[in-house]
Each structure stands twice: as structure tokens, then as C-alpha cells.
Amino acid sequence: MTAQDVIALLDAQARAASADPLRNAQMLCFPAVGSLYVAADLHAHRRNFQRFQNACDLPNHPDRHVILQELIHGGALGPAGEDRSLELLLDALQWSAAFPGRVHFLLANHDMAQVLNIAIMKEGYDLTERFTRHIQLAFGTHAPQVHEALARYFRALPLAAITATGIFLSHSLPCERDIATFDKTILRRDLTDEDWSRSGPIYALIWGRNQTQEVLDRVARMWYADLFVCGHQSQEGGSKTVGNKLLIIDSSHNHGVYLPIDLARCYSLDELAAQVVPLAAVE
């Protein structure tokens, strides 16, 4: 794709995210009908993305919705050590364009890192810089415009979603350190530049780790949720439950999983965890 093609796709998908009929401020609100398939932290694992697409089978399930998050930062590097995961994000956006109003994305911390140029270090390398390097190499003099379009797209994404049966989905949740001062209005209003700072509530929401039962109870009361489904925290076995309210799923590796949810059904945490499907089981 040319730089102009990439910018046009990003801007079109930013507009689609902002105008999503399911969107209420910074949340997606799903009806109690159909199904919702969820993948978390794909990190450019192309085979898992393809398996997830096959599992969703959107052409044959018109009442099925999809949530994706954190497609960037990962996969095979290019010859200059550049992170080419933008390519998978663009493929996912084209999938979304083919099924308008059904393929949804939630903001994740690696997305925010690209917007704010926050270094994310892994094995001695800055993942943000490697991703930026690919854009510079691929688009040359048009790289700044691609960066700007990418930032517009990420800024347009919702922060969370909730089902009619009380399942709350987000990339992560605030940690114990941040919960006392966390701005619970963040999902119910327009966002400001201050919200996007490293000391703001978006950062606290999508970067939080190691949530305690007390945190989960407080956030449940805050947003009228019964259960939470998040990514962000790596899971070697693909998934993990925390306390009596949180299911963490990980779609980023060969033991990665996805989560199908019946939108008309109420679940206990154990019942929801039993729904998890290994991506390796999908043709």
C-alpha cells in the first residue's frame, strides 16, 4: 500500500470507530443478541490472526461481533531490524472495512506508546522505535503523515466495551496503586489532552497490572460490571482467572486463545473461563 492508501484507510477507520452505532462516549455497548468473539494481544502473530478470522466466520454469522486489541509490536523483523507489524494492523482494518460495524478495536498500551512515543523495552530493544523505523523506511518523506494518521486512528478508539449481561472488556484495569485516585468518568465523557498524558486515567486504565480482589470489586461497582475480560498480562497457557471477577486472555503466541461469548447469556467466572478456545485448534 502507498502512504496515501494507508492514510486513507486509517482515517476511514478512525471515522468508523467514532461513529460506531454501539458506541457511547468511550465505550461499546453490545446488545443481548448474537455473539462476541474476543482476541487479545495479537502482537503481529499472523497465523493466530488468520485462525481467529476463520473461527469468527463473519460471512456466515451476521449477528456476530469481534473485538481485537494490540495487533502491533511483534512478528518477524525486517532486514534493518524494523518492526513490520503495521502490516497486520492494516490487514485487520481492511477486515473491519469489509464488515462495517462488526469488527471493533479497543485501545491498548502499545498503541498509546506509539501516539506518545513512549519507549517499551524488551530484551534490550525499544519496540516503539522499531515500529517507527519501519514507517520511516517504508514511506520515506511521507512517514510523518503516516505517523499522524496512525495517531488519529488510535485516539479515535474506544477504551472499553460492556455486554448487556455485565461482562466488561478492556485492555487492562487500574492497579492497586492507582485505583484510589482513578477518574471513573473517563468512559462517560469526551477525552482531553490531559487524559492522554502519562499521569492521566487512560494510562492508568490500559497499563495497570496485578489487580487485587479489592480493585476488581471497586471497579465492578464503578462501572456496574459483573465480570472483566482483559489482555495485557502475558499468559503462557493462554488464559488465567484472577479473584472471582477477572479473566485474562492472551492471543500472542502458539498457546494463545480466543474467547467466544454468547451475548444473551449470563456467565459465572468459571463458566466464562471454560469458553476459552486454543487458537491452535482452529484450522
Foldseek 3Di string as FASTA:
>chain_A
DALVVLLVLLQVLLVLQLPQPQAAQQEGEAELAFKEKEAEQQAQVVLLVVLSCLVQVCVVGVRYAYEYENQHQDDDADPVRAGPSVVVVSVLSVVCVVNRNGYAYAAADVLLCLLVVPFDDDPRDTSNVRHLVVLCVRHPPCSVVSSVSSNSNNLSHRAWYAFPQFEIEGQAAAAPVCQVPADLCNRNHHDDVQCSDCPHNSVRGRVHDDHAPVRVVVVCVSVVHQAYEHENDDDPQAWDDHDFHYIYGHSHDQNHWMFMGNRNDHDTPVRRVVRIDGSNVGD
